[in-house]
Structure formats: structure tokens, C-alpha cells
Amino acid sequence: MPIGKYLAGKLTSVLSANGKLGDDMSIDMSTISGNGNLFLIEGFLSKFAPLDKIASVLNVKALEQISLKDVKTFFEFSNGKLLVKPFTVKVKDIVMEIGGLQGFDESLNYAINLKLPRALMGTQGNQLVNNLFAAVNAKGIPLKPGDFVNLKLAMGGTIRNPTIKVDLKQTGETLADQMKEQVKDFAQAKIDSAKNAAKDTLTAIKKQLGDAAKEELRKKLFGIKDTVVVKDSTPVKNPQDKTKESIKGLFDNLLKKKPKDTANKQ
């Protein structure tokens, strides 16, 4: 995961995956699917472009470098996309709920709910919040900013060049509500992955059948007959011939009289 380049600390992870290897034994990332979790016991995150973007837009220096502890995330991945299920990060008095979708190509589509103390925001950040409240009030909805502001962020772009859209979080709106698009997109990725797997299996079966037909035709053209060979390279006999030989051997043994037996009878 790209975030690993910017994270220092202790973590543990469980991962289950399946997919294909290419002809050169390298992993075909487009076929990889699975799930897992990552538990950050204690860590320090810095110089991470998505976090820096949030810190810059909201004018919050406390988010430029953050110390994290006991953060656990669960994820699924399929067809080149990774779905990060909602998890919570707490930094000082800031609470962030994060979830969304990212691609193996490092594209981003995340939803973030942010509870932010206005005291931690600079002049630029506070002006942004005032503008958001003014826009809502202009629609006839009376709202006043308090000491804390609840924001919802839509993050796109890429890990190295993220984009962000900021809005006020509506009362009762959950991160799951905001992630409907990402969940739908990932569901389609899983369907596409299953279709591709079925297509690959069908192609492999057709190839096997084609190879078998070619081999059968080759044998007919060159008059090659099938023979079954045992370890000593002796052709296996017809089962009927083996049965006849067994019966003949049985009668031969019954008719034979050993010299010792004859002497005893005399």
C-alpha cells in the first residue's frame, strides 16, 4: 500500500489473496482479489500528499504531521481496486472518519467526515468555513458555526496529486451514505473480476480440448495406436486373455501331481 512509504511505526496485518502469475512468474495485479486488515499499533505519518492537501485547504498545521495509535482498517480488493471500509482516526481534538476506494494505479475516491475545532484552523481555513455557512444561510437554512465544525470531504485525484472538495456535513448524514458511489463501483469490479476468471477458465478448457483433438488427429494420420505401458515396458494384455490364462493355470495346477504326493499314496 503506497501509504507505507510515509509511515513509520509498528503495525500488523492479515491478508488473504488469490490471483494469477504471468509467464515470467510475476503477479498479474489485475487478477488479484482478496481481503484483509491492517492494525497500526503506533506510528507517525508525514509528507503524505493526501493529508498535506487537507492540512493546506483547511489551514490546519496539526494535520501536516500526525502521530497515530491503535488504528485498525479493513479492506477488500478486486480487479485493480481496493475498498477501504470506514475507520476512525483521532488527532488531538480532531476526529476523522475515513473510507473509500483507491486503485492499484494510485487513483483516489475517498469520503472523509471531519470534526474539527475552529481554534486549530488558520485565517484561510476559518474564511472557508464562514463561506460554507453563508452559502447554506442563503438557501434559507439558518446555521451558525460553533467552536467545532463538521465537514465532509470528497477526495479524488491520485496519491501523489490529490484533489479535495469541502462541504458542510448534514445532520444525520453518515459516511456510509457518502460512500454509496464507491461501494457500487467496487461491486462492479468484483463482477468484472468474476467474469474475467470465468472467461479465462473457458479459454483454458477450449485450449485443452483443442490440443486433445490435434493429438488425436496426429495419431490417426500417422497410424499411431494407443498402448498402455507398465513399469517393465511390457504392453498390458487384453483383460479377456488374462482371464483365460488364469483359468488355464488353475486347471494345470489341479491336474499336476507332485512326486512326493504320489509316493505317499503308494
Protein backbone atom coordinates (compact mmCIF):
# COMPACT_ATOMS: atom_id res chain seq x y z
CA MET A 1 0.00 0.00 0.00
CA PRO A 2 1.51 3.36 -1.02
CA ILE A 3 0.96 4.92 2.41
CA GLY A 4 3.69 2.62 3.70
CA LYS A 5 6.34 4.91 2.21
CA TYR A 6 5.26 7.73 4.53
CA LEU A 7 4.54 5.77 7.68
CA ALA A 8 6.99 4.88 10.44
CA GLY A 9 6.00 2.73 13.40
CA LYS A 10 4.68 -0.67 14.41
CA LEU A 11 1.87 -2.42 12.60
CA THR A 12 0.46 -5.85 11.93
CA SER A 13 -1.61 -7.07 9.02
CA VAL A 14 -3.60 -10.11 7.87
CA LEU A 15 -4.03 -10.65 4.14
CA SER A 16 -5.79 -13.30 2.07
CA ALA A 17 -5.44 -13.14 -1.71
CA ASN A 18 -5.63 -15.20 -4.87
CA GLY A 19 -4.74 -14.48 -8.46
CA LYS A 20 -2.57 -15.45 -11.39
CA LEU A 21 1.12 -15.50 -12.19
CA GLY A 22 2.36 -14.37 -15.58
CA ASP A 23 4.66 -16.33 -17.86
CA ASP A 24 7.65 -14.77 -16.08
CA MET A 25 6.17 -15.78 -12.67
CA SER A 26 5.37 -12.14 -11.81
CA ILE A 27 1.97 -11.37 -10.23
CA ASP A 28 -0.75 -10.28 -12.64
CA MET A 29 -2.16 -7.48 -10.46
CA SER A 30 -5.37 -7.21 -12.49
CA THR A 31 -6.34 -10.75 -11.41
CA ILE A 32 -5.62 -10.34 -7.70
CA SER A 33 -8.60 -10.38 -5.33
CA GLY A 34 -8.96 -10.85 -1.59
CA ASN A 35 -9.35 -9.06 1.72
CA GLY A 36 -7.51 -8.23 4.89
CA ASN A 37 -6.88 -5.79 7.70
CA LEU A 38 -4.15 -3.51 8.92
CA PHE A 39 -3.67 -2.64 12.57
CA LEU A 40 -1.39 0.30 13.27
CA ILE A 41 -0.22 -0.16 16.84
CA GLU A 42 1.73 3.08 16.92
CA GLY A 43 3.05 5.23 14.11
CA PHE A 44 3.99 8.58 12.68
CA LEU A 45 2.71 9.83 9.31
CA SER A 46 4.38 12.70 7.48
CA LYS A 47 4.88 14.08 3.96
CA PHE A 48 1.79 12.17 2.81
CA ALA A 49 0.23 14.19 -0.05
CA PRO A 50 -3.48 13.45 0.72
CA LEU A 51 -3.02 14.51 4.35
CA ASP A 52 -0.96 17.53 3.32
CA LYS A 53 -3.76 18.55 0.94
CA ILE A 54 -6.33 18.52 3.75
CA ALA A 55 -3.98 20.46 6.01
CA SER A 56 -3.40 23.05 3.28
CA VAL A 57 -7.03 23.56 2.21
CA LEU A 58 -8.34 23.78 5.78
CA ASN A 59 -5.27 25.65 7.02
CA VAL A 60 -4.64 23.19 9.87
CA LYS A 61 -0.94 22.76 10.67
CA ALA A 62 -1.72 19.98 13.17
CA LEU A 63 -2.52 17.66 10.24
CA GLU A 64 0.79 18.11 8.42
CA GLN A 65 2.48 15.52 10.62
CA ILE A 66 0.41 13.27 12.86
CA SER A 67 1.03 10.64 15.48
CA LEU A 68 -1.33 7.65 15.30
CA LYS A 69 -2.16 4.86 17.72
CA ASP A 70 -4.49 1.83 17.68
CA VAL A 71 -5.90 2.43 14.21
CA LYS A 72 -7.45 -0.61 12.54
CA THR A 73 -8.70 -0.75 8.95
CA PHE A 74 -10.42 -3.49 6.98
CA PHE A 75 -10.28 -3.69 3.20
CA GLU A 76 -11.20 -5.73 0.13
CA PHE A 77 -9.62 -5.66 -3.30
CA SER A 78 -10.58 -6.96 -6.73
CA ASN A 79 -9.90 -6.18 -10.37
CA GLY A 80 -7.32 -3.50 -9.57
CA LYS A 81 -9.44 -1.66 -6.98
CA LEU A 82 -9.22 -1.57 -3.19
CA LEU A 83 -12.19 -0.71 -0.98
CA VAL A 84 -11.21 0.69 2.42
CA LYS A 85 -14.05 0.25 4.88
CA PRO A 86 -14.82 3.16 7.28
CA PHE A 87 -12.35 3.64 10.12
CA THR A 88 -11.70 6.43 12.61
CA VAL A 89 -8.55 8.44 13.30
CA LYS A 90 -8.18 10.81 16.25
CA VAL A 91 -5.51 13.51 16.28
CA LYS A 92 -5.60 15.83 19.30
CA ASP A 93 -9.19 17.15 19.23
CA ILE A 94 -9.67 16.31 15.55
CA VAL A 95 -11.78 13.27 14.64
CA MET A 96 -11.64 11.88 11.09
CA GLU A 97 -13.83 9.08 9.76
CA ILE A 98 -12.36 7.77 6.51
CA GLY A 99 -13.47 5.28 3.87
CA GLY A 100 -13.43 4.89 0.12
CA LEU A 101 -11.90 3.42 -2.94
CA GLN A 102 -8.45 3.54 -4.44
CA GLY A 103 -6.93 1.88 -7.48
CA PHE A 104 -3.74 -0.10 -7.91
CA ASP A 105 -2.89 2.80 -10.24
CA GLU A 106 -2.96 5.03 -7.09
CA SER A 107 -6.21 6.80 -8.08
CA LEU A 108 -8.32 8.02 -5.15
CA ASN A 109 -12.05 8.22 -4.43
CA TYR A 110 -12.42 8.75 -0.68
CA ALA A 111 -15.11 10.17 1.59
CA ILE A 112 -13.98 11.77 4.84
CA ASN A 113 -16.05 13.12 7.72
CA LEU A 114 -14.15 15.59 9.83
CA LYS A 115 -14.96 17.05 13.23
CA LEU A 116 -12.59 20.00 13.53
CA PRO A 117 -12.02 22.60 16.27
CA ARG A 118 -12.04 26.04 14.68
CA ALA A 119 -9.29 27.06 17.10
CA LEU A 120 -6.87 24.82 15.17
CA MET A 121 -7.71 26.49 11.86
CA GLY A 122 -5.85 29.45 10.47
CA THR A 123 -7.38 32.52 8.88
CA GLN A 124 -7.74 30.88 5.47
CA GLY A 125 -9.50 27.83 6.94
CA ASN A 126 -11.91 29.87 9.01
CA GLN A 127 -12.79 32.00 6.00
CA LEU A 128 -13.57 28.83 4.04
CA VAL A 129 -15.93 27.67 6.81
CA ASN A 130 -17.62 31.09 7.00
CA ASN A 131 -18.23 30.95 3.24
CA LEU A 132 -19.79 27.50 3.54
CA PHE A 133 -22.17 28.67 6.28
CA ALA A 134 -23.04 31.78 4.27
CA ALA A 135 -23.96 29.64 1.27
CA VAL A 136 -26.26 27.48 3.41
CA ASN A 137 -27.89 30.50 5.03
CA ALA A 138 -28.50 31.97 1.56
CA LYS A 139 -30.70 28.94 0.85
CA GLY A 140 -32.89 29.80 3.82
CA ILE A 141 -31.33 27.33 6.26
CA PRO A 142 -30.25 29.20 9.42
CA LEU A 143 -26.95 27.79 10.66
CA LYS A 144 -24.29 29.32 12.86
CA PRO A 145 -20.74 27.97 13.23
CA GLY A 146 -19.73 26.86 16.73
CA ASP A 147 -16.39 26.00 18.31
CA PHE A 148 -16.37 22.76 16.31
CA VAL A 149 -17.33 22.40 12.66
CA ASN A 150 -18.46 19.17 10.98
CA LEU A 151 -17.19 18.89 7.43
CA LYS A 152 -17.42 16.27 4.71
CA LEU A 153 -14.56 15.95 2.27
CA ALA A 154 -14.55 14.27 -1.14
CA MET A 155 -11.01 13.32 -2.14
CA GLY A 156 -10.06 12.41 -5.70
CA GLY A 157 -7.04 12.61 -7.96
CA THR A 158 -4.06 10.40 -7.15
CA ILE A 159 -1.94 9.73 -4.10
CA ARG A 160 0.82 12.00 -5.44
CA ASN A 161 -1.57 14.68 -6.72
CA PRO A 162 -4.82 14.58 -4.70
CA THR A 163 -7.82 16.88 -5.11
CA ILE A 164 -10.31 17.78 -2.42
CA LYS A 165 -13.82 19.20 -2.22
CA VAL A 166 -15.08 20.54 1.12
CA ASP A 167 -18.68 20.90 2.25
CA LEU A 168 -20.66 21.07 5.47
CA LYS A 169 -21.80 17.71 6.80
CA GLN A 170 -25.57 17.50 7.10
CA THR A 171 -27.14 16.33 10.35
CA GLY A 172 -27.73 12.57 10.34
CA GLU A 173 -25.59 12.02 7.24
CA THR A 174 -23.25 9.05 7.68
CA LEU A 175 -20.07 8.06 5.91
CA ALA A 176 -21.90 5.01 4.57
CA ASP A 177 -24.33 7.37 2.83
CA GLN A 178 -21.43 9.25 1.25
CA MET A 179 -19.73 6.00 0.14
CA LYS A 180 -22.60 4.64 -1.95
CA GLU A 181 -20.80 5.50 -5.19
CA GLN A 182 -17.58 3.82 -4.08
CA VAL A 183 -19.37 0.67 -2.89
CA LYS A 184 -21.28 0.42 -6.17
CA ASP A 185 -18.07 0.87 -8.15
CA PHE A 186 -16.32 -1.87 -6.14
CA ALA A 187 -19.28 -4.24 -6.55
CA GLN A 188 -18.92 -3.83 -10.31
CA ALA A 189 -15.19 -4.51 -10.01
CA LYS A 190 -15.95 -7.83 -8.29
CA ILE A 191 -18.45 -8.75 -11.02
CA ASP A 192 -15.90 -7.90 -13.72
CA SER A 193 -13.27 -9.97 -11.92
CA ALA A 194 -15.60 -12.99 -11.76
CA LYS A 195 -16.43 -12.62 -15.47
CA ASN A 196 -12.75 -12.43 -16.38
CA ALA A 197 -11.99 -15.52 -14.28
CA ALA A 198 -14.81 -17.47 -15.97
CA LYS A 199 -13.62 -16.31 -19.37
CA ASP A 200 -10.05 -17.39 -18.62
CA THR A 201 -11.27 -20.81 -17.42
CA LEU A 202 -13.34 -21.30 -20.58
CA THR A 203 -10.38 -20.31 -22.73
CA ALA A 204 -8.16 -22.82 -20.90
CA ILE A 205 -10.73 -25.61 -21.36
CA LYS A 206 -11.07 -24.82 -25.07
CA LYS A 207 -7.31 -24.93 -25.42
CA GLN A 208 -7.12 -28.31 -23.69
CA LEU A 209 -9.87 -29.71 -25.92
CA GLY A 210 -8.17 -28.26 -28.98
CA ASP A 211 -4.82 -29.79 -28.02
CA ALA A 212 -6.50 -33.17 -27.42
CA ALA A 213 -8.23 -33.02 -30.83
CA LYS A 214 -4.94 -32.17 -32.53
CA GLU A 215 -3.19 -35.08 -30.84
CA GLU A 216 -5.98 -37.47 -31.85
CA LEU A 217 -5.77 -36.28 -35.46
CA ARG A 218 -1.99 -36.70 -35.44
CA LYS A 219 -2.34 -40.30 -34.26
CA LYS A 220 -4.85 -41.08 -36.99
CA LEU A 221 -2.70 -39.52 -39.73
CA PHE A 222 0.39 -41.45 -38.68
CA GLY A 223 -1.42 -44.66 -37.71
CA ILE A 224 -0.35 -44.49 -34.06
CA LYS A 225 -2.26 -46.82 -31.74
CA ASP A 226 -2.76 -46.29 -28.06
CA THR A 227 -0.87 -48.71 -25.81
CA VAL A 228 -0.72 -48.81 -22.07
CA VAL A 229 2.75 -49.48 -20.71
CA VAL A 230 3.63 -50.72 -17.24
CA LYS A 231 6.93 -50.14 -15.45
CA ASP A 232 8.75 -53.01 -17.24
CA SER A 233 7.60 -51.57 -20.60
CA THR A 234 5.52 -54.70 -21.30
CA PRO A 235 2.21 -53.92 -23.09
CA VAL A 236 -0.82 -54.64 -20.94
CA LYS A 237 -2.76 -57.64 -22.21
CA ASN A 238 -6.43 -57.76 -23.00
CA PRO A 239 -8.44 -58.49 -19.80
CA GLN A 240 -10.19 -61.44 -21.51
CA ASP A 241 -6.84 -63.04 -22.41
CA LYS A 242 -5.69 -62.58 -18.82
CA THR A 243 -8.84 -64.31 -17.54
CA LYS A 244 -8.37 -67.27 -19.91
CA GLU A 245 -4.74 -67.66 -18.80
CA SER A 246 -5.75 -67.57 -15.14
CA ILE A 247 -8.38 -70.33 -15.66
CA LYS A 248 -5.92 -72.46 -17.67
CA GLY A 249 -3.30 -72.07 -14.95
CA LEU A 250 -5.80 -73.15 -12.31
CA PHE A 251 -6.64 -76.38 -14.18
CA ASP A 252 -2.98 -77.12 -14.83
CA ASN A 253 -2.23 -76.89 -11.11
CA LEU A 254 -5.13 -79.20 -10.27
CA LEU A 255 -4.06 -81.84 -12.81
CA LYS A 256 -0.42 -81.79 -11.80
CA LYS A 257 0.63 -84.45 -9.31
CA LYS A 258 3.73 -83.79 -7.33
CA PRO A 259 6.16 -86.78 -6.96
CA LYS A 260 6.04 -86.51 -3.17
CA ASP A 261 2.23 -86.83 -3.12
CA THR A 262 2.36 -89.89 -5.44
CA ALA A 263 4.91 -91.64 -3.23
CA ASN A 264 2.77 -91.13 -0.14
CA LYS A 265 -0.31 -92.59 -1.85
CA GLN A 266 1.65 -95.74 -2.83
